[in-house]
Amino acid sequence: MTYRVCVVCMGNICRSPMAEVVLRRTLEERGLGDRVTVESAGTGSWHVGGPMDERALEILTENGYDGSAHRARQFTRDWFDRYDLVLAMDRDNVATLGRIAPPGVEVRLFRSFDPSAPEGAEVPDPYYDGREGFEEVLALVEAASEGVAKHIADEIG
């Protein structure tokens, strides 16, 4: 059985696809790549079908990741049945997902898995920032991905 994760932000062109690519690699490095599927989506539909933001792609590429195949998608209510773990980049997206989630489904903040992050820490949206914002997002998702991988390893045994 495959464990399935979806990482969610607003438009699915910056934060969530960066986290998808990083988490996928982290899981592969821990020997879990064949047991876990990682995908991403946005709560909004603005960018559906489009590629990753070129600034996000550039930062990933410079750091040895490949995000070139990404195409933006929108998370919908019926998707909750597809995933074992839904991770949002910020509290606004947790709230948006919470409004469409079936009863009893928990959406967690991605950074809640980073033991060095304060409670409630978010991955900030770099869309209106310069290069530094995208570099910060990469550092934050790399740090949290370790904790997510540990959580998943504990879940699947």
N, C-alpha and C. Protein backbone atom coordinates (compact mmCIF):
# COMPACT_ATOMS: atom_id res chain seq x y z
N MET A 1 0.83 -1.19 0.00
CA MET A 1 0.00 0.00 0.00
C MET A 1 0.88 1.25 0.00
N THR A 2 0.52 2.23 -0.79
CA THR A 2 1.28 3.47 -0.89
C THR A 2 0.67 4.52 0.02
N TYR A 3 1.52 5.18 0.78
CA TYR A 3 1.12 6.30 1.63
C TYR A 3 1.15 7.54 0.75
N ARG A 4 0.09 8.35 0.83
CA ARG A 4 -0.02 9.50 -0.09
C ARG A 4 -0.08 10.81 0.68
N VAL A 5 0.73 11.77 0.19
CA VAL A 5 0.83 13.09 0.81
C VAL A 5 0.51 14.15 -0.23
N CYS A 6 -0.22 15.19 0.18
CA CYS A 6 -0.43 16.35 -0.69
C CYS A 6 -0.03 17.60 0.09
N VAL A 7 0.82 18.40 -0.54
CA VAL A 7 1.27 19.67 0.02
C VAL A 7 0.49 20.78 -0.68
N VAL A 8 -0.07 21.70 0.10
CA VAL A 8 -0.99 22.69 -0.46
C VAL A 8 -0.60 24.12 -0.08
N CYS A 9 -0.62 24.99 -1.09
CA CYS A 9 -0.49 26.43 -0.86
C CYS A 9 -1.62 27.11 -1.63
N MET A 10 -1.47 28.37 -1.92
CA MET A 10 -2.56 29.10 -2.56
C MET A 10 -2.68 28.83 -4.06
N GLY A 11 -1.59 29.02 -4.80
CA GLY A 11 -1.67 28.91 -6.25
C GLY A 11 -0.98 27.71 -6.86
N ASN A 12 -0.22 26.97 -6.04
CA ASN A 12 0.51 25.78 -6.48
C ASN A 12 1.56 26.09 -7.54
N ILE A 13 2.24 27.23 -7.39
CA ILE A 13 3.35 27.54 -8.30
C ILE A 13 4.63 27.89 -7.56
N CYS A 14 4.59 28.10 -6.24
CA CYS A 14 5.80 28.46 -5.49
C CYS A 14 6.07 27.47 -4.36
N ARG A 15 5.41 27.70 -3.24
CA ARG A 15 5.73 26.96 -2.02
C ARG A 15 5.43 25.47 -2.10
N SER A 16 4.19 25.12 -2.46
CA SER A 16 3.83 23.70 -2.42
C SER A 16 4.60 22.87 -3.44
N PRO A 17 4.84 23.36 -4.67
CA PRO A 17 5.64 22.52 -5.56
C PRO A 17 7.10 22.42 -5.11
N MET A 18 7.62 23.49 -4.50
CA MET A 18 8.98 23.40 -3.95
C MET A 18 9.02 22.33 -2.86
N ALA A 19 8.02 22.36 -1.97
CA ALA A 19 7.97 21.37 -0.89
C ALA A 19 7.76 19.97 -1.43
N GLU A 20 6.96 19.82 -2.47
CA GLU A 20 6.73 18.51 -3.09
C GLU A 20 8.05 17.91 -3.57
N VAL A 21 8.82 18.70 -4.29
CA VAL A 21 10.08 18.22 -4.86
C VAL A 21 11.08 17.88 -3.76
N VAL A 22 11.18 18.75 -2.77
CA VAL A 22 12.13 18.53 -1.66
C VAL A 22 11.71 17.32 -0.84
N LEU A 23 10.42 17.23 -0.49
CA LEU A 23 9.96 16.10 0.32
C LEU A 23 10.13 14.78 -0.43
N ARG A 24 9.84 14.78 -1.70
CA ARG A 24 10.02 13.55 -2.49
C ARG A 24 11.47 13.07 -2.40
N ARG A 25 12.42 14.00 -2.58
CA ARG A 25 13.84 13.61 -2.50
C ARG A 25 14.19 13.13 -1.09
N THR A 26 13.72 13.83 -0.08
CA THR A 26 14.01 13.44 1.30
C THR A 26 13.52 12.02 1.57
N LEU A 27 12.33 11.71 1.11
CA LEU A 27 11.78 10.37 1.31
C LEU A 27 12.58 9.32 0.54
N GLU A 28 12.99 9.64 -0.67
CA GLU A 28 13.83 8.72 -1.45
C GLU A 28 15.15 8.45 -0.73
N GLU A 29 15.76 9.51 -0.19
CA GLU A 29 17.03 9.35 0.53
C GLU A 29 16.88 8.50 1.78
N ARG A 30 15.70 8.44 2.36
CA ARG A 30 15.44 7.64 3.55
C ARG A 30 14.91 6.27 3.21
N GLY A 31 14.92 5.92 1.91
CA GLY A 31 14.47 4.60 1.49
C GLY A 31 12.96 4.43 1.47
N LEU A 32 12.22 5.53 1.46
CA LEU A 32 10.76 5.46 1.49
C LEU A 32 10.13 5.85 0.16
N GLY A 33 10.93 6.18 -0.82
CA GLY A 33 10.42 6.67 -2.09
C GLY A 33 9.46 5.73 -2.79
N ASP A 34 9.67 4.44 -2.64
CA ASP A 34 8.80 3.48 -3.32
C ASP A 34 7.51 3.20 -2.53
N ARG A 35 7.41 3.76 -1.32
CA ARG A 35 6.24 3.52 -0.47
C ARG A 35 5.39 4.76 -0.24
N VAL A 36 5.88 5.91 -0.74
CA VAL A 36 5.19 7.17 -0.49
C VAL A 36 5.09 7.96 -1.79
N THR A 37 3.91 8.51 -2.05
CA THR A 37 3.68 9.39 -3.18
C THR A 37 3.48 10.80 -2.64
N VAL A 38 4.17 11.77 -3.24
CA VAL A 38 4.04 13.16 -2.84
C VAL A 38 3.55 13.97 -4.03
N GLU A 39 2.50 14.74 -3.80
CA GLU A 39 1.94 15.61 -4.82
C GLU A 39 1.69 16.98 -4.19
N SER A 40 1.31 17.95 -5.01
CA SER A 40 0.98 19.27 -4.48
C SER A 40 -0.20 19.85 -5.24
N ALA A 41 -0.81 20.86 -4.63
CA ALA A 41 -1.96 21.53 -5.23
C ALA A 41 -2.13 22.89 -4.58
N GLY A 42 -3.00 23.69 -5.15
CA GLY A 42 -3.33 24.99 -4.60
C GLY A 42 -4.79 25.05 -4.20
N THR A 43 -5.11 25.99 -3.32
CA THR A 43 -6.52 26.18 -2.96
C THR A 43 -7.24 27.03 -4.00
N GLY A 44 -6.49 27.78 -4.79
CA GLY A 44 -7.06 28.62 -5.84
C GLY A 44 -6.84 28.02 -7.21
N SER A 45 -7.59 28.54 -8.18
CA SER A 45 -7.53 27.97 -9.53
C SER A 45 -6.77 28.84 -10.53
N TRP A 46 -6.18 29.94 -10.11
CA TRP A 46 -5.57 30.91 -11.02
C TRP A 46 -4.54 30.32 -11.96
N HIS A 47 -3.74 29.39 -11.47
CA HIS A 47 -2.59 28.91 -12.24
C HIS A 47 -2.73 27.48 -12.76
N VAL A 48 -3.92 26.88 -12.63
CA VAL A 48 -4.11 25.47 -13.00
C VAL A 48 -3.58 25.21 -14.41
N GLY A 49 -2.76 24.17 -14.51
CA GLY A 49 -2.17 23.77 -15.79
C GLY A 49 -0.87 24.46 -16.11
N GLY A 50 -0.54 25.49 -15.36
CA GLY A 50 0.68 26.25 -15.63
C GLY A 50 1.89 25.67 -14.91
N PRO A 51 3.09 26.09 -15.33
CA PRO A 51 4.32 25.59 -14.71
C PRO A 51 4.60 26.27 -13.37
N MET A 52 5.60 25.79 -12.71
CA MET A 52 6.08 26.39 -11.48
C MET A 52 6.60 27.80 -11.77
N ASP A 53 6.47 28.68 -10.82
CA ASP A 53 7.05 30.02 -10.94
C ASP A 53 8.53 29.88 -11.29
N GLU A 54 8.98 30.63 -12.27
CA GLU A 54 10.36 30.45 -12.74
C GLU A 54 11.40 30.77 -11.68
N ARG A 55 11.08 31.64 -10.73
CA ARG A 55 12.01 31.92 -9.63
C ARG A 55 12.14 30.71 -8.71
N ALA A 56 11.02 30.05 -8.43
CA ALA A 56 11.04 28.84 -7.61
C ALA A 56 11.83 27.74 -8.31
N LEU A 57 11.57 27.58 -9.60
CA LEU A 57 12.27 26.57 -10.38
C LEU A 57 13.77 26.84 -10.42
N GLU A 58 14.14 28.11 -10.56
CA GLU A 58 15.56 28.48 -10.59
C GLU A 58 16.26 28.12 -9.28
N ILE A 59 15.64 28.45 -8.16
CA ILE A 59 16.24 28.14 -6.85
C ILE A 59 16.36 26.62 -6.68
N LEU A 60 15.33 25.89 -7.04
CA LEU A 60 15.40 24.43 -6.95
C LEU A 60 16.52 23.88 -7.81
N THR A 61 16.59 24.32 -9.06
CA THR A 61 17.60 23.82 -10.00
C THR A 61 19.01 24.11 -9.48
N GLU A 62 19.22 25.32 -8.99
CA GLU A 62 20.54 25.69 -8.45
C GLU A 62 20.95 24.82 -7.27
N ASN A 63 19.96 24.24 -6.60
CA ASN A 63 20.25 23.41 -5.43
C ASN A 63 20.09 21.92 -5.71
N GLY A 64 20.09 21.56 -6.99
CA GLY A 64 20.12 20.15 -7.37
C GLY A 64 18.78 19.44 -7.42
N TYR A 65 17.69 20.18 -7.42
CA TYR A 65 16.36 19.59 -7.50
C TYR A 65 15.80 19.80 -8.91
N ASP A 66 14.85 18.94 -9.29
CA ASP A 66 14.22 19.08 -10.60
C ASP A 66 12.72 19.27 -10.43
N GLY A 67 12.26 20.48 -10.72
CA GLY A 67 10.83 20.78 -10.65
C GLY A 67 10.23 21.06 -12.00
N SER A 68 10.94 20.71 -13.05
CA SER A 68 10.53 21.09 -14.40
C SER A 68 9.23 20.45 -14.87
N ALA A 69 8.85 19.32 -14.32
CA ALA A 69 7.63 18.64 -14.78
C ALA A 69 6.36 19.17 -14.11
N HIS A 70 6.51 20.04 -13.13
CA HIS A 70 5.35 20.50 -12.36
C HIS A 70 4.32 21.23 -13.22
N ARG A 71 3.05 20.93 -12.95
CA ARG A 71 1.91 21.65 -13.51
C ARG A 71 0.93 21.90 -12.37
N ALA A 72 0.51 23.13 -12.22
CA ALA A 72 -0.36 23.52 -11.10
C ALA A 72 -1.72 22.84 -11.17
N ARG A 73 -2.22 22.48 -9.98
CA ARG A 73 -3.53 21.85 -9.85
C ARG A 73 -4.27 22.51 -8.69
N GLN A 74 -5.58 22.34 -8.65
CA GLN A 74 -6.38 22.87 -7.55
C GLN A 74 -6.90 21.73 -6.71
N PHE A 75 -6.75 21.87 -5.40
CA PHE A 75 -7.25 20.88 -4.44
C PHE A 75 -8.75 21.05 -4.31
N THR A 76 -9.49 19.96 -4.42
CA THR A 76 -10.94 20.00 -4.25
C THR A 76 -11.36 19.03 -3.15
N ARG A 77 -12.57 19.17 -2.67
CA ARG A 77 -13.07 18.40 -1.54
C ARG A 77 -12.87 16.89 -1.72
N ASP A 78 -13.13 16.38 -2.90
CA ASP A 78 -13.03 14.93 -3.11
C ASP A 78 -11.60 14.41 -3.02
N TRP A 79 -10.64 15.31 -3.04
CA TRP A 79 -9.24 14.88 -2.94
C TRP A 79 -8.88 14.37 -1.56
N PHE A 80 -9.62 14.76 -0.54
CA PHE A 80 -9.28 14.30 0.81
C PHE A 80 -9.27 12.78 0.90
N ASP A 81 -10.09 12.12 0.11
CA ASP A 81 -10.12 10.65 0.10
C ASP A 81 -8.85 10.06 -0.49
N ARG A 82 -8.13 10.81 -1.27
CA ARG A 82 -6.92 10.32 -1.95
C ARG A 82 -5.68 10.32 -1.08
N TYR A 83 -5.68 11.11 0.00
CA TYR A 83 -4.43 11.35 0.74
C TYR A 83 -4.51 10.91 2.18
N ASP A 84 -3.37 10.43 2.67
CA ASP A 84 -3.23 10.07 4.08
C ASP A 84 -2.81 11.27 4.91
N LEU A 85 -2.15 12.24 4.27
CA LEU A 85 -1.64 13.40 4.97
C LEU A 85 -1.75 14.61 4.04
N VAL A 86 -2.43 15.66 4.53
CA VAL A 86 -2.56 16.91 3.79
C VAL A 86 -1.85 17.98 4.60
N LEU A 87 -0.87 18.62 3.97
CA LEU A 87 -0.03 19.61 4.63
C LEU A 87 -0.20 20.96 3.95
N ALA A 88 -0.51 21.98 4.72
CA ALA A 88 -0.67 23.33 4.18
C ALA A 88 0.53 24.19 4.55
N MET A 89 0.81 25.15 3.70
CA MET A 89 1.96 26.03 3.91
C MET A 89 1.71 27.13 4.93
N ASP A 90 0.45 27.53 5.11
CA ASP A 90 0.16 28.59 6.06
C ASP A 90 -1.25 28.41 6.65
N ARG A 91 -1.55 29.22 7.66
CA ARG A 91 -2.83 29.11 8.37
C ARG A 91 -4.02 29.45 7.47
N ASP A 92 -3.84 30.39 6.54
CA ASP A 92 -4.94 30.72 5.63
C ASP A 92 -5.35 29.49 4.81
N ASN A 93 -4.36 28.75 4.33
CA ASN A 93 -4.67 27.55 3.55
C ASN A 93 -5.21 26.43 4.42
N VAL A 94 -4.77 26.34 5.67
CA VAL A 94 -5.36 25.39 6.60
C VAL A 94 -6.84 25.71 6.76
N ALA A 95 -7.17 27.00 6.93
CA ALA A 95 -8.57 27.40 7.11
C ALA A 95 -9.39 27.12 5.85
N THR A 96 -8.84 27.44 4.68
CA THR A 96 -9.55 27.19 3.42
C THR A 96 -9.83 25.70 3.25
N LEU A 97 -8.83 24.88 3.50
CA LEU A 97 -9.01 23.43 3.39
C LEU A 97 -9.97 22.93 4.46
N GLY A 98 -9.91 23.50 5.65
CA GLY A 98 -10.80 23.10 6.72
C GLY A 98 -12.27 23.33 6.39
N ARG A 99 -12.54 24.36 5.61
CA ARG A 99 -13.92 24.65 5.22
C ARG A 99 -14.49 23.61 4.25
N ILE A 100 -13.62 22.92 3.52
CA ILE A 100 -14.12 21.93 2.56
C ILE A 100 -13.85 20.49 2.99
N ALA A 101 -13.12 20.34 4.09
CA ALA A 101 -12.75 18.99 4.55
C ALA A 101 -13.94 18.24 5.14
N PRO A 102 -14.00 16.94 4.90
CA PRO A 102 -15.01 16.12 5.56
C PRO A 102 -14.77 16.14 7.08
N PRO A 103 -15.79 15.88 7.87
CA PRO A 103 -15.62 15.84 9.32
C PRO A 103 -14.52 14.87 9.73
N GLY A 104 -13.72 15.30 10.70
CA GLY A 104 -12.67 14.45 11.24
C GLY A 104 -11.36 14.44 10.48
N VAL A 105 -11.29 15.14 9.35
CA VAL A 105 -10.05 15.19 8.58
C VAL A 105 -9.19 16.34 9.09
N GLU A 106 -7.94 16.05 9.39
CA GLU A 106 -7.03 17.06 9.90
C GLU A 106 -6.08 17.53 8.79
N VAL A 107 -5.92 18.83 8.69
CA VAL A 107 -4.93 19.43 7.81
C VAL A 107 -3.87 20.03 8.72
N ARG A 108 -2.61 19.70 8.45
CA ARG A 108 -1.53 20.17 9.31
C ARG A 108 -0.65 21.17 8.58
N LEU A 109 -0.03 22.04 9.36
CA LEU A 109 0.95 22.96 8.79
C LEU A 109 2.23 22.20 8.47
N PHE A 110 2.79 22.46 7.32
CA PHE A 110 4.02 21.79 6.89
C PHE A 110 5.14 21.98 7.92
N ARG A 111 5.29 23.20 8.42
CA ARG A 111 6.38 23.48 9.36
C ARG A 111 6.14 22.91 10.75
N SER A 112 4.95 22.36 11.01
CA SER A 112 4.71 21.76 12.33
C SER A 112 5.60 20.54 12.54
N PHE A 113 6.22 20.05 11.48
CA PHE A 113 7.12 18.89 11.57
C PHE A 113 8.58 19.30 11.76
N ASP A 114 8.85 20.59 11.80
CA ASP A 114 10.22 21.09 12.03
C ASP A 114 10.36 21.37 13.52
N PRO A 115 11.16 20.54 14.22
CA PRO A 115 11.26 20.71 15.68
C PRO A 115 11.87 22.05 16.09
N SER A 116 12.57 22.73 15.19
CA SER A 116 13.16 24.01 15.54
C SER A 116 12.22 25.19 15.27
N ALA A 117 11.08 24.93 14.64
CA ALA A 117 10.14 26.00 14.30
C ALA A 117 9.21 26.27 15.48
N PRO A 118 8.89 27.54 15.71
CA PRO A 118 7.92 27.84 16.77
C PRO A 118 6.54 27.30 16.41
N GLU A 119 5.72 27.07 17.42
CA GLU A 119 4.37 26.56 17.16
C GLU A 119 3.62 27.50 16.24
N GLY A 120 2.93 26.94 15.26
CA GLY A 120 2.15 27.74 14.32
C GLY A 120 2.97 28.37 13.20
N ALA A 121 4.24 28.00 13.10
CA ALA A 121 5.11 28.60 12.07
C ALA A 121 4.62 28.24 10.67
N GLU A 122 4.73 29.20 9.78
CA GLU A 122 4.26 29.03 8.41
C GLU A 122 5.43 29.11 7.44
N VAL A 123 5.18 28.68 6.21
CA VAL A 123 6.11 28.92 5.11
C VAL A 123 5.55 30.16 4.41
N PRO A 124 6.27 31.28 4.46
CA PRO A 124 5.74 32.53 3.89
C PRO A 124 5.67 32.47 2.36
N ASP A 125 4.71 33.19 1.82
CA ASP A 125 4.52 33.24 0.37
C ASP A 125 5.58 34.16 -0.24
N PRO A 126 6.45 33.63 -1.11
CA PRO A 126 7.51 34.45 -1.69
C PRO A 126 7.11 35.16 -2.99
N TYR A 127 5.86 34.98 -3.42
CA TYR A 127 5.44 35.41 -4.75
C TYR A 127 5.76 36.88 -5.03
N TYR A 128 5.56 37.74 -4.05
CA TYR A 128 5.80 39.18 -4.25
C TYR A 128 7.16 39.62 -3.75
N ASP A 129 8.00 38.66 -3.38
CA ASP A 129 9.34 38.96 -2.90
C ASP A 129 10.37 38.75 -3.99
N GLY A 130 11.58 39.07 -3.67
CA GLY A 130 12.68 38.80 -4.58
C GLY A 130 13.24 37.42 -4.33
N ARG A 131 14.41 37.19 -4.85
CA ARG A 131 15.11 35.92 -4.76
C ARG A 131 15.23 35.41 -3.32
N GLU A 132 15.46 36.31 -2.39
CA GLU A 132 15.66 35.93 -0.99
C GLU A 132 14.45 35.19 -0.43
N GLY A 133 13.25 35.58 -0.86
CA GLY A 133 12.04 34.92 -0.39
C GLY A 133 11.99 33.46 -0.82
N PHE A 134 12.41 33.19 -2.04
CA PHE A 134 12.41 31.82 -2.55
C PHE A 134 13.52 31.00 -1.89
N GLU A 135 14.65 31.63 -1.62
CA GLU A 135 15.73 30.94 -0.90
C GLU A 135 15.28 30.57 0.51
N GLU A 136 14.54 31.49 1.15
CA GLU A 136 14.03 31.21 2.49
C GLU A 136 13.04 30.05 2.46
N VAL A 137 12.16 30.03 1.48
CA VAL A 137 11.19 28.94 1.36
C VAL A 137 11.93 27.61 1.22
N LEU A 138 12.95 27.56 0.38
CA LEU A 138 13.69 26.32 0.21
C LEU A 138 14.29 25.86 1.53
N ALA A 139 14.92 26.77 2.26
CA ALA A 139 15.52 26.40 3.55
C ALA A 139 14.46 25.89 4.53
N LEU A 140 13.31 26.54 4.57
CA LEU A 140 12.25 26.13 5.50
C LEU A 140 11.67 24.77 5.13
N VAL A 141 11.45 24.53 3.85
CA VAL A 141 10.87 23.24 3.47
C VAL A 141 11.89 22.12 3.61
N GLU A 142 13.17 22.41 3.38
CA GLU A 142 14.18 21.37 3.62
C GLU A 142 14.21 20.98 5.09
N ALA A 143 14.16 21.96 5.98
CA ALA A 143 14.19 21.67 7.42
C ALA A 143 12.96 20.87 7.85
N ALA A 144 11.78 21.25 7.38
CA ALA A 144 10.56 20.56 7.79
C ALA A 144 10.43 19.19 7.13
N SER A 145 11.00 19.01 5.94
CA SER A 145 10.88 17.73 5.24
C SER A 145 11.49 16.59 6.03
N GLU A 146 12.54 16.86 6.76
CA GLU A 146 13.14 15.82 7.60
C GLU A 146 12.12 15.30 8.61
N GLY A 147 11.41 16.21 9.26
CA GLY A 147 10.39 15.83 10.24
C GLY A 147 9.21 15.12 9.62
N VAL A 148 8.80 15.59 8.43
CA VAL A 148 7.69 14.93 7.72
C VAL A 148 8.09 13.50 7.39
N ALA A 149 9.31 13.32 6.90
CA ALA A 149 9.79 11.97 6.55
C ALA A 149 9.80 11.07 7.78
N LYS A 150 10.24 11.59 8.89
CA LYS A 150 10.26 10.80 10.14
C LYS A 150 8.83 10.41 10.52
N HIS A 151 7.91 11.37 10.46
CA HIS A 151 6.50 11.10 10.79
C HIS A 151 5.94 9.99 9.89
N ILE A 152 6.20 10.09 8.61
CA ILE A 152 5.68 9.09 7.66
C ILE A 152 6.32 7.72 7.93
N ALA A 153 7.62 7.70 8.19
CA ALA A 153 8.29 6.43 8.51
C ALA A 153 7.65 5.78 9.74
N ASP A 154 7.32 6.58 10.74
CA ASP A 154 6.65 6.07 11.94
C ASP A 154 5.25 5.56 11.60
N GLU A 155 4.55 6.26 10.71
CA GLU A 155 3.19 5.87 10.33
C GLU A 155 3.16 4.56 9.57
N ILE A 156 4.09 4.37 8.66
CA ILE A 156 4.02 3.19 7.80
C ILE A 156 4.88 2.03 8.30
N GLY A 157 5.64 2.31 9.35
CA GLY A 157 6.43 1.26 9.96
C GLY A 157 7.66 0.96 9.23
